[in-house]
Amino acid sequence: MPDAPALTLVPTPIGNLEDITLRAIRVLGEADLVLAEDTRVSGRLLQHLGLKKPLLSYHLHNEHQQVPRLLERLEKGEKMALVSDAGTPGISDPGFLLVRECLARGLAVECLPGPTALVPALLKSGFGAERFTFEGFLPVKKGRQTRLLELVPEPRTMIFYESPHRLVKTLGQLAEVLGAQRPASVSRELTKLFEETVTGTLASLAADFGARAAIKGEIVLVVAGNPTPPARPGKASRYARGEEDEVDDSLGNEANNPNEFGPDDFESDEFGED
């Protein structure tokens, strides 16, 4: 039987509080300490669940200072639950650093399945979900144009998180680089009262949201992959002979990218501040 986890990553609702799982409630109730991205937000959730637990702030700006102290406490036997403001910790939210250091010290880590914004947005887009790549937030300044150009040949559906005040700019840049007529969808306020998903082309979405007086809510942008990506070196002639069913072993390296998912990844699962 595996060791009881010292640290458990607990997904929390991205909007609708009914999306909390029974297991998540139990784990939060059993934890000695809840690590929270914003203690005010998580405090309200615990209050809604009728739980009284000590909370400790753990976010992008203090995680490097907090990790050594937390490891010391975890090694003494404390059980901790890590939550973000919404969604699954570690996906465009703090969590990776603490998980990595726990594993390096032999401390057991568990991650519960639960809410995340990228999957509902992907499925509501109507684009191919058999293979997709999660890009998270694009670089704000340095490296942004380089990253956009790298996405031009990407054949898989692409998923991005974006802030409301940068959405129109991002749509315009994607239209310029990937093509104005590339199919895309914008989902915002997922699971909330004013949930909305708009599907169109990158150009039409840029015009739609650019004409709005204000854009509110967390944004998930889904873009269809390139339907005619450049042929891989040495493969074009083989395909021309009609040997489409031959296995391309070179694709196996893609499994090494932790941000890329296929259907097999869902046998066992933000939202983040930017």
C-alpha atoms as a PDB file:
ATOM      1  CA  MET A   1       0.000   0.000   0.000  1.00  0.00           C
ATOM      2  CA  PRO A   2       1.493   3.410  -0.956  1.00  0.00           C
ATOM      3  CA  ASP A   3       2.461   5.885   1.742  1.00  0.00           C
ATOM      4  CA  ALA A   4      -0.138   8.427   2.758  1.00  0.00           C
ATOM      5  CA  PRO A   5       0.604  11.645   0.858  1.00  0.00           C
ATOM      6  CA  ALA A   6       2.389  14.400   2.712  1.00  0.00           C
ATOM      7  CA  LEU A   7       1.184  16.916   0.134  1.00  0.00           C
ATOM      8  CA  THR A   8      -2.080  16.749  -1.823  1.00  0.00           C
ATOM      9  CA  LEU A   9      -2.934  19.045  -4.717  1.00  0.00           C
ATOM     10  CA  VAL A  10      -6.646  19.819  -4.460  1.00  0.00           C
ATOM     11  CA  PRO A  11      -8.505  21.288  -7.462  1.00  0.00           C
ATOM     12  CA  THR A  12     -11.157  23.837  -6.537  1.00  0.00           C
ATOM     13  CA  PRO A  13     -14.152  25.128  -8.544  1.00  0.00           C
ATOM     14  CA  ILE A  14     -13.408  27.572 -11.363  1.00  0.00           C
ATOM     15  CA  GLY A  15     -16.740  29.289 -10.769  1.00  0.00           C
ATOM     16  CA  ASN A  16     -19.577  27.026  -9.708  1.00  0.00           C
ATOM     17  CA  LEU A  17     -19.071  25.840  -6.132  1.00  0.00           C
ATOM     18  CA  GLU A  18     -21.059  22.664  -6.874  1.00  0.00           C
ATOM     19  CA  ASP A  19     -18.046  21.404  -8.834  1.00  0.00           C
ATOM     20  CA  ILE A  20     -16.084  20.618  -5.660  1.00  0.00           C
ATOM     21  CA  THR A  21     -15.702  16.848  -5.218  1.00  0.00           C
ATOM     22  CA  LEU A  22     -16.511  14.811  -2.127  1.00  0.00           C
ATOM     23  CA  ARG A  23     -12.912  13.617  -2.022  1.00  0.00           C
ATOM     24  CA  ALA A  24     -11.606  17.182  -2.163  1.00  0.00           C
ATOM     25  CA  ILE A  25     -13.792  18.125   0.803  1.00  0.00           C
ATOM     26  CA  ARG A  26     -12.512  15.145   2.784  1.00  0.00           C
ATOM     27  CA  VAL A  27      -8.855  15.886   2.019  1.00  0.00           C
ATOM     28  CA  LEU A  28      -9.240  19.544   2.965  1.00  0.00           C
ATOM     29  CA  GLY A  29     -10.916  18.501   6.194  1.00  0.00           C
ATOM     30  CA  GLU A  30      -8.088  16.098   7.081  1.00  0.00           C
ATOM     31  CA  ALA A  31      -5.214  18.455   6.242  1.00  0.00           C
ATOM     32  CA  ASP A  32      -3.159  20.025   9.015  1.00  0.00           C
ATOM     33  CA  LEU A  33      -2.528  23.072   6.832  1.00  0.00           C
ATOM     34  CA  VAL A  34      -4.010  24.465   3.613  1.00  0.00           C
ATOM     35  CA  LEU A  35      -1.588  26.277   1.312  1.00  0.00           C
ATOM     36  CA  ALA A  36      -3.531  28.918  -0.592  1.00  0.00           C
ATOM     37  CA  GLU A  37      -2.712  31.217  -3.492  1.00  0.00           C
ATOM     38  CA  ASP A  38      -4.946  33.837  -1.850  1.00  0.00           C
ATOM     39  CA  THR A  39      -6.029  33.077   1.710  1.00  0.00           C
ATOM     40  CA  ARG A  40      -9.074  35.333   1.365  1.00  0.00           C
ATOM     41  CA  VAL A  41     -10.416  33.413  -1.640  1.00  0.00           C
ATOM     42  CA  SER A  42      -9.689  29.992  -0.154  1.00  0.00           C
ATOM     43  CA  GLY A  43     -11.006  31.113   3.218  1.00  0.00           C
ATOM     44  CA  ARG A  44     -14.385  31.834   1.678  1.00  0.00           C
ATOM     45  CA  LEU A  45     -14.429  28.381   0.065  1.00  0.00           C
ATOM     46  CA  LEU A  46     -13.590  26.663   3.348  1.00  0.00           C
ATOM     47  CA  GLN A  47     -16.273  28.672   5.094  1.00  0.00           C
ATOM     48  CA  HIS A  48     -18.791  27.610   2.437  1.00  0.00           C
ATOM     49  CA  LEU A  49     -17.794  23.980   3.048  1.00  0.00           C
ATOM     50  CA  GLY A  50     -18.072  24.384   6.818  1.00  0.00           C
ATOM     51  CA  LEU A  51     -14.373  23.736   7.372  1.00  0.00           C
ATOM     52  CA  LYS A  52     -12.053  25.560   9.773  1.00  0.00           C
ATOM     53  CA  LYS A  53      -8.431  25.052   8.824  1.00  0.00           C
ATOM     54  CA  PRO A  54      -5.242  27.086   9.208  1.00  0.00           C
ATOM     55  CA  LEU A  55      -4.304  28.789   5.933  1.00  0.00           C
ATOM     56  CA  LEU A  56      -0.853  29.802   4.731  1.00  0.00           C
ATOM     57  CA  SER A  57      -0.200  32.065   1.762  1.00  0.00           C
ATOM     58  CA  TYR A  58       1.666  30.279  -1.050  1.00  0.00           C
ATOM     59  CA  HIS A  59       1.921  32.054  -4.396  1.00  0.00           C
ATOM     60  CA  LEU A  60       4.299  32.885  -7.237  1.00  0.00           C
ATOM     61  CA  HIS A  61       5.921  35.739  -5.337  1.00  0.00           C
ATOM     62  CA  ASN A  62       6.815  33.835  -2.174  1.00  0.00           C
ATOM     63  CA  GLU A  63       7.094  30.167  -3.129  1.00  0.00           C
ATOM     64  CA  HIS A  64      10.903  30.144  -3.253  1.00  0.00           C
ATOM     65  CA  GLN A  65      10.993  31.449   0.318  1.00  0.00           C
ATOM     66  CA  GLN A  66       8.198  29.164   1.525  1.00  0.00           C
ATOM     67  CA  VAL A  67       9.373  25.837   0.093  1.00  0.00           C
ATOM     68  CA  PRO A  68      12.293  25.177   2.529  1.00  0.00           C
ATOM     69  CA  ARG A  69      10.076  25.916   5.536  1.00  0.00           C
ATOM     70  CA  LEU A  70       7.248  23.773   4.216  1.00  0.00           C
ATOM     71  CA  LEU A  71       9.559  20.857   3.494  1.00  0.00           C
ATOM     72  CA  GLU A  72      10.800  20.974   7.073  1.00  0.00           C
ATOM     73  CA  ARG A  73       7.250  20.774   8.382  1.00  0.00           C
ATOM     74  CA  LEU A  74       6.252  18.046   5.924  1.00  0.00           C
ATOM     75  CA  GLU A  75       9.234  15.933   6.972  1.00  0.00           C
ATOM     76  CA  LYS A  76       8.034  16.184  10.576  1.00  0.00           C
ATOM     77  CA  GLY A  77       4.750  14.567   9.555  1.00  0.00           C
ATOM     78  CA  GLU A  78       2.357  17.417   8.817  1.00  0.00           C
ATOM     79  CA  LYS A  79      -0.196  16.800   6.074  1.00  0.00           C
ATOM     80  CA  MET A  80      -0.798  19.701   3.706  1.00  0.00           C
ATOM     81  CA  ALA A  81      -3.295  20.485   0.961  1.00  0.00           C
ATOM     82  CA  LEU A  82      -2.345  22.886  -1.829  1.00  0.00           C
ATOM     83  CA  VAL A  83      -5.083  24.886  -3.553  1.00  0.00           C
ATOM     84  CA  SER A  84      -5.123  27.724  -6.061  1.00  0.00           C
ATOM     85  CA  ASP A  85      -7.773  30.412  -6.336  1.00  0.00           C
ATOM     86  CA  ALA A  86      -9.583  28.275  -8.901  1.00  0.00           C
ATOM     87  CA  GLY A  87      -8.858  25.114 -10.848  1.00  0.00           C
ATOM     88  CA  THR A  88      -5.995  22.664 -10.494  1.00  0.00           C
ATOM     89  CA  PRO A  89      -2.807  23.826  -8.728  1.00  0.00           C
ATOM     90  CA  GLY A  90       0.292  23.732 -10.894  1.00  0.00           C
ATOM     91  CA  ILE A  91      -1.488  24.526 -14.168  1.00  0.00           C
ATOM     92  CA  SER A  92      -0.556  28.170 -14.791  1.00  0.00           C
ATOM     93  CA  ASP A  93      -0.482  28.450 -10.991  1.00  0.00           C
ATOM     94  CA  PRO A  94       2.173  27.805  -8.314  1.00  0.00           C
ATOM     95  CA  GLY A  95       2.761  24.207  -7.295  1.00  0.00           C
ATOM     96  CA  PHE A  96       5.479  22.718  -9.495  1.00  0.00           C
ATOM     97  CA  LEU A  97       8.383  23.817  -7.311  1.00  0.00           C
ATOM     98  CA  LEU A  98       6.958  22.369  -4.106  1.00  0.00           C
ATOM     99  CA  VAL A  99       5.965  19.104  -5.802  1.00  0.00           C
ATOM    100  CA  ARG A 100       9.439  18.705  -7.308  1.00  0.00           C
ATOM    101  CA  GLU A 101      11.184  19.265  -3.977  1.00  0.00           C
ATOM    102  CA  CYS A 102       8.823  16.918  -2.123  1.00  0.00           C
ATOM    103  CA  LEU A 103       9.541  14.136  -4.594  1.00  0.00           C
ATOM    104  CA  ALA A 104      13.282  14.801  -4.373  1.00  0.00           C
ATOM    105  CA  ARG A 105      13.090  14.210  -0.608  1.00  0.00           C
ATOM    106  CA  GLY A 106      10.976  11.086  -0.909  1.00  0.00           C
ATOM    107  CA  LEU A 107       7.784  12.729   0.349  1.00  0.00           C
ATOM    108  CA  ALA A 108       4.622  11.265  -1.157  1.00  0.00           C
ATOM    109  CA  VAL A 109       2.546  13.613  -3.328  1.00  0.00           C
ATOM    110  CA  GLU A 110      -1.042  13.123  -4.474  1.00  0.00           C
ATOM    111  CA  CYS A 111      -3.070  15.128  -7.001  1.00  0.00           C
ATOM    112  CA  LEU A 112      -6.834  14.839  -7.029  1.00  0.00           C
ATOM    113  CA  PRO A 113      -8.773  14.977 -10.297  1.00  0.00           C
ATOM    114  CA  GLY A 114     -11.080  17.922 -10.589  1.00  0.00           C
ATOM    115  CA  PRO A 115     -11.947  21.264 -12.178  1.00  0.00           C
ATOM    116  CA  THR A 116      -9.739  22.836 -14.818  1.00  0.00           C
ATOM    117  CA  ALA A 117     -10.756  25.439 -17.390  1.00  0.00           C
ATOM    118  CA  LEU A 118      -8.897  24.103 -20.395  1.00  0.00           C
ATOM    119  CA  VAL A 119     -10.906  20.886 -20.907  1.00  0.00           C
ATOM    120  CA  PRO A 120     -14.418  22.432 -21.004  1.00  0.00           C
ATOM    121  CA  ALA A 121     -13.171  25.174 -23.338  1.00  0.00           C
ATOM    122  CA  LEU A 122     -11.569  22.619 -25.644  1.00  0.00           C
ATOM    123  CA  LEU A 123     -14.671  20.456 -25.865  1.00  0.00           C
ATOM    124  CA  LYS A 124     -17.008  23.441 -26.324  1.00  0.00           C
ATOM    125  CA  SER A 125     -14.903  24.741 -29.206  1.00  0.00           C
ATOM    126  CA  GLY A 126     -15.911  21.884 -31.464  1.00  0.00           C
ATOM    127  CA  PHE A 127     -12.330  21.469 -32.689  1.00  0.00           C
ATOM    128  CA  GLY A 128     -10.390  18.220 -32.658  1.00  0.00           C
ATOM    129  CA  ALA A 129      -9.743  16.994 -29.130  1.00  0.00           C
ATOM    130  CA  GLU A 130      -7.940  13.773 -30.012  1.00  0.00           C
ATOM    131  CA  ARG A 131      -4.599  15.589 -29.824  1.00  0.00           C
ATOM    132  CA  PHE A 132      -3.982  19.045 -28.448  1.00  0.00           C
ATOM    133  CA  THR A 133      -1.312  21.210 -26.871  1.00  0.00           C
ATOM    134  CA  PHE A 134      -1.783  23.423 -23.837  1.00  0.00           C
ATOM    135  CA  GLU A 135       0.258  26.623 -24.166  1.00  0.00           C
ATOM    136  CA  GLY A 136      -0.905  28.416 -21.017  1.00  0.00           C
ATOM    137  CA  PHE A 137      -0.130  32.138 -21.084  1.00  0.00           C
ATOM    138  CA  LEU A 138       1.966  33.389 -23.984  1.00  0.00           C
ATOM    139  CA  PRO A 139       5.040  35.427 -23.014  1.00  0.00           C
ATOM    140  CA  VAL A 140       3.958  39.002 -22.364  1.00  0.00           C
ATOM    141  CA  LYS A 141       7.003  40.672 -23.939  1.00  0.00           C
ATOM    142  CA  LYS A 142      10.305  38.844 -24.330  1.00  0.00           C
ATOM    143  CA  GLY A 143       9.991  35.816 -26.574  1.00  0.00           C
ATOM    144  CA  ARG A 144       6.370  36.433 -27.536  1.00  0.00           C
ATOM    145  CA  GLN A 145       6.912  36.826 -31.289  1.00  0.00           C
ATOM    146  CA  THR A 146       9.287  33.864 -31.353  1.00  0.00           C
ATOM    147  CA  ARG A 147       6.718  31.668 -29.617  1.00  0.00           C
ATOM    148  CA  LEU A 148       3.967  32.753 -32.014  1.00  0.00           C
ATOM    149  CA  LEU A 149       6.104  31.858 -35.022  1.00  0.00           C
ATOM    150  CA  GLU A 150       6.882  28.457 -33.518  1.00  0.00           C
ATOM    151  CA  LEU A 151       3.155  27.716 -33.478  1.00  0.00           C
ATOM    152  CA  VAL A 152       2.650  28.248 -37.224  1.00  0.00           C
ATOM    153  CA  PRO A 153       3.188  24.586 -38.232  1.00  0.00           C
ATOM    154  CA  GLU A 154       1.441  23.138 -35.143  1.00  0.00           C
ATOM    155  CA  PRO A 155      -1.189  20.621 -36.415  1.00  0.00           C
ATOM    156  CA  ARG A 156      -2.857  20.048 -33.057  1.00  0.00           C
ATOM    157  CA  THR A 157      -5.554  22.149 -31.463  1.00  0.00           C
ATOM    158  CA  MET A 158      -3.922  24.837 -29.286  1.00  0.00           C
ATOM    159  CA  ILE A 159      -5.223  26.082 -25.942  1.00  0.00           C
ATOM    160  CA  PHE A 160      -4.180  29.361 -24.326  1.00  0.00           C
ATOM    161  CA  TYR A 161      -5.047  31.220 -21.153  1.00  0.00           C
ATOM    162  CA  GLU A 162      -5.311  34.975 -21.541  1.00  0.00           C
ATOM    163  CA  SER A 163      -6.255  37.991 -19.478  1.00  0.00           C
ATOM    164  CA  PRO A 164      -9.224  40.127 -20.553  1.00  0.00           C
ATOM    165  CA  HIS A 165      -7.151  43.242 -21.175  1.00  0.00           C
ATOM    166  CA  ARG A 166      -4.786  41.416 -23.546  1.00  0.00           C
ATOM    167  CA  LEU A 167      -7.337  39.281 -25.397  1.00  0.00           C
ATOM    168  CA  VAL A 168      -7.920  41.572 -28.385  1.00  0.00           C
ATOM    169  CA  LYS A 169      -4.194  42.150 -28.882  1.00  0.00           C
ATOM    170  CA  THR A 170      -3.504  38.416 -28.734  1.00  0.00           C
ATOM    171  CA  LEU A 171      -6.285  37.606 -31.201  1.00  0.00           C
ATOM    172  CA  GLY A 172      -4.898  40.183 -33.602  1.00  0.00           C
ATOM    173  CA  GLN A 173      -1.363  38.846 -33.339  1.00  0.00           C
ATOM    174  CA  LEU A 174      -2.515  35.257 -33.803  1.00  0.00           C
ATOM    175  CA  ALA A 175      -4.535  36.304 -36.862  1.00  0.00           C
ATOM    176  CA  GLU A 176      -1.468  37.977 -38.324  1.00  0.00           C
ATOM    177  CA  VAL A 177       0.821  35.004 -37.718  1.00  0.00           C
ATOM    178  CA  LEU A 178      -1.506  31.993 -38.119  1.00  0.00           C
ATOM    179  CA  GLY A 179      -3.898  33.491 -40.646  1.00  0.00           C
ATOM    180  CA  ALA A 180      -6.997  35.642 -40.277  1.00  0.00           C
ATOM    181  CA  GLN A 181      -9.323  32.776 -41.252  1.00  0.00           C
ATOM    182  CA  ARG A 182      -7.944  30.238 -38.770  1.00  0.00           C
ATOM    183  CA  PRO A 183     -10.887  28.840 -36.734  1.00  0.00           C
ATOM    184  CA  ALA A 184     -10.824  29.720 -33.046  1.00  0.00           C
ATOM    185  CA  SER A 185     -13.056  30.088 -30.001  1.00  0.00           C
ATOM    186  CA  VAL A 186     -13.042  32.234 -26.890  1.00  0.00           C
ATOM    187  CA  SER A 187     -14.564  30.946 -23.652  1.00  0.00           C
ATOM    188  CA  ARG A 188     -14.961  33.188 -20.627  1.00  0.00           C
ATOM    189  CA  GLU A 189     -16.600  32.958 -17.212  1.00  0.00           C
ATOM    190  CA  LEU A 190     -16.776  29.159 -17.520  1.00  0.00           C
ATOM    191  CA  THR A 191     -19.307  27.546 -15.127  1.00  0.00           C
ATOM    192  CA  LYS A 192     -20.481  30.998 -13.988  1.00  0.00           C
ATOM    193  CA  LEU A 193     -23.764  32.850 -14.520  1.00  0.00           C
ATOM    194  CA  PHE A 194     -22.555  34.786 -17.564  1.00  0.00           C
ATOM    195  CA  GLU A 195     -20.598  31.952 -19.189  1.00  0.00           C
ATOM    196  CA  GLU A 196     -19.952  32.566 -22.871  1.00  0.00           C
ATOM    197  CA  THR A 197     -18.216  30.752 -25.723  1.00  0.00           C
ATOM    198  CA  VAL A 198     -17.869  32.502 -29.083  1.00  0.00           C
ATOM    199  CA  THR A 199     -16.569  30.583 -32.095  1.00  0.00           C
ATOM    200  CA  GLY A 200     -15.427  32.066 -35.397  1.00  0.00           C
ATOM    201  CA  THR A 201     -12.180  32.985 -37.105  1.00  0.00           C
ATOM    202  CA  LEU A 202      -9.309  34.771 -35.425  1.00  0.00           C
ATOM    203  CA  ALA A 203     -10.175  37.892 -37.417  1.00  0.00           C
ATOM    204  CA  SER A 204     -13.882  37.813 -36.570  1.00  0.00           C
ATOM    205  CA  LEU A 205     -13.184  37.197 -32.886  1.00  0.00           C
ATOM    206  CA  ALA A 206     -10.711  40.085 -32.798  1.00  0.00           C
ATOM    207  CA  ALA A 207     -13.395  42.335 -34.318  1.00  0.00           C
ATOM    208  CA  ASP A 208     -16.112  41.035 -31.977  1.00  0.00           C
ATOM    209  CA  PHE A 209     -14.216  41.488 -28.734  1.00  0.00           C
ATOM    210  CA  GLY A 210     -12.503  44.645 -29.979  1.00  0.00           C
ATOM    211  CA  ALA A 211     -15.900  46.286 -30.337  1.00  0.00           C
ATOM    212  CA  ARG A 212     -16.950  45.539 -26.759  1.00  0.00           C
ATOM    213  CA  ALA A 213     -16.807  48.295 -24.178  1.00  0.00           C
ATOM    214  CA  ALA A 214     -15.391  45.864 -21.606  1.00  0.00           C
ATOM    215  CA  ILE A 215     -14.301  42.252 -21.397  1.00  0.00           C
ATOM    216  CA  LYS A 216     -14.592  40.466 -18.078  1.00  0.00           C
ATOM    217  CA  GLY A 217     -13.725  37.081 -16.674  1.00  0.00           C
ATOM    218  CA  GLU A 218     -10.996  34.503 -17.087  1.00  0.00           C
ATOM    219  CA  ILE A 219     -10.350  33.723 -20.751  1.00  0.00           C
ATOM    220  CA  VAL A 220      -9.568  30.432 -22.496  1.00  0.00           C
ATOM    221  CA  LEU A 221      -8.647  30.757 -26.162  1.00  0.00           C
ATOM    222  CA  VAL A 222      -8.775  27.651 -28.362  1.00  0.00           C
ATOM    223  CA  VAL A 223      -7.264  27.732 -31.864  1.00  0.00           C
ATOM    224  CA  ALA A 224      -7.557  25.021 -34.501  1.00  0.00           C
ATOM    225  CA  GLY A 225      -4.287  23.469 -35.620  1.00  0.00           C
ATOM    226  CA  ASN A 226      -2.664  23.976 -39.001  1.00  0.00           C
ATOM    227  CA  PRO A 227      -4.582  21.713 -41.433  1.00  0.00           C
ATOM    228  CA  THR A 228      -1.618  21.569 -43.825  1.00  0.00           C
ATOM    229  CA  PRO A 229       1.534  21.627 -41.691  1.00  0.00           C
ATOM    230  CA  PRO A 230       4.893  21.444 -43.469  1.00  0.00           C
ATOM    231  CA  ALA A 231       5.883  17.864 -44.248  1.00  0.00           C
ATOM    232  CA  ARG A 232       8.526  16.329 -42.020  1.00  0.00           C
ATOM    233  CA  PRO A 233      11.895  15.892 -43.757  1.00  0.00           C
ATOM    234  CA  GLY A 234      12.034  12.667 -45.711  1.00  0.00           C
ATOM    235  CA  LYS A 235       8.337  11.902 -45.279  1.00  0.00           C
ATOM    236  CA  ALA A 236       6.705  13.662 -48.235  1.00  0.00           C
ATOM    237  CA  SER A 237       7.745  11.115 -50.851  1.00  0.00           C
ATOM    238  CA  ARG A 238       6.567   8.203 -48.697  1.00  0.00           C
ATOM    239  CA  TYR A 239       3.135   9.783 -48.283  1.00  0.00           C
ATOM    240  CA  ALA A 240       3.004  10.438 -52.013  1.00  0.00           C
ATOM    241  CA  ARG A 241       3.230   6.651 -52.520  1.00  0.00           C
ATOM    242  CA  GLY A 242       0.042   6.269 -50.454  1.00  0.00           C
ATOM    243  CA  GLU A 243       1.662   4.721 -47.395  1.00  0.00           C
ATOM    244  CA  GLU A 244      -0.275   6.899 -44.921  1.00  0.00           C
ATOM    245  CA  ASP A 245      -0.735   4.044 -42.483  1.00  0.00           C
ATOM    246  CA  GLU A 246       2.976   3.527 -41.900  1.00  0.00           C
ATOM    247  CA  VAL A 247       3.940   4.380 -38.300  1.00  0.00           C
ATOM    248  CA  ASP A 248       6.084   7.490 -37.886  1.00  0.00           C
ATOM    249  CA  ASP A 249       8.435   6.589 -35.041  1.00  0.00           C
ATOM    250  CA  SER A 250       9.732  10.148 -34.865  1.00  0.00           C
ATOM    251  CA  LEU A 251       6.481  11.207 -33.226  1.00  0.00           C
ATOM    252  CA  GLY A 252       7.362   9.288 -30.087  1.00  0.00           C
ATOM    253  CA  ASN A 253       9.514  12.157 -28.839  1.00  0.00           C
ATOM    254  CA  GLU A 254       6.436  14.315 -28.375  1.00  0.00           C
ATOM    255  CA  ALA A 255       5.535  12.384 -25.239  1.00  0.00           C
ATOM    256  CA  ASN A 256       8.453  14.099 -23.535  1.00  0.00           C
ATOM    257  CA  ASN A 257       6.683  17.461 -23.569  1.00  0.00           C
ATOM    258  CA  PRO A 258       4.663  17.786 -20.325  1.00  0.00           C
ATOM    259  CA  ASN A 259       2.336  20.367 -21.888  1.00  0.00           C
ATOM    260  CA  GLU A 260       1.170  18.017 -24.628  1.00  0.00           C
ATOM    261  CA  PHE A 261      -1.683  15.609 -24.050  1.00  0.00           C
ATOM    262  CA  GLY A 262      -3.313  12.801 -25.962  1.00  0.00           C
ATOM    263  CA  PRO A 263      -6.403  10.709 -25.217  1.00  0.00           C
ATOM    264  CA  ASP A 264      -4.428   8.193 -23.128  1.00  0.00           C
ATOM    265  CA  ASP A 265      -3.461  10.902 -20.650  1.00  0.00           C
ATOM    266  CA  PHE A 266      -6.960  11.062 -19.221  1.00  0.00           C
ATOM    267  CA  GLU A 267      -7.154   7.589 -17.743  1.00  0.00           C
ATOM    268  CA  SER A 268      -6.514   8.866 -14.243  1.00  0.00           C
ATOM    269  CA  ASP A 269      -6.777  15.365 -14.945  1.00  0.00           C
ATOM    270  CA  GLU A 270      -7.140  27.640 -13.823  1.00  0.00           C
ATOM    271  CA  PHE A 271      -6.976  29.010 -13.440  1.00  0.00           C
ATOM    272  CA  GLY A 272      -4.223  31.361 -12.783  1.00  0.00           C
ATOM    273  CA  GLU A 273      -3.356  34.926 -12.137  1.00  0.00           C
ATOM    274  CA  ASP A 274      -1.166  36.305 -14.865  1.00  0.00           C
END
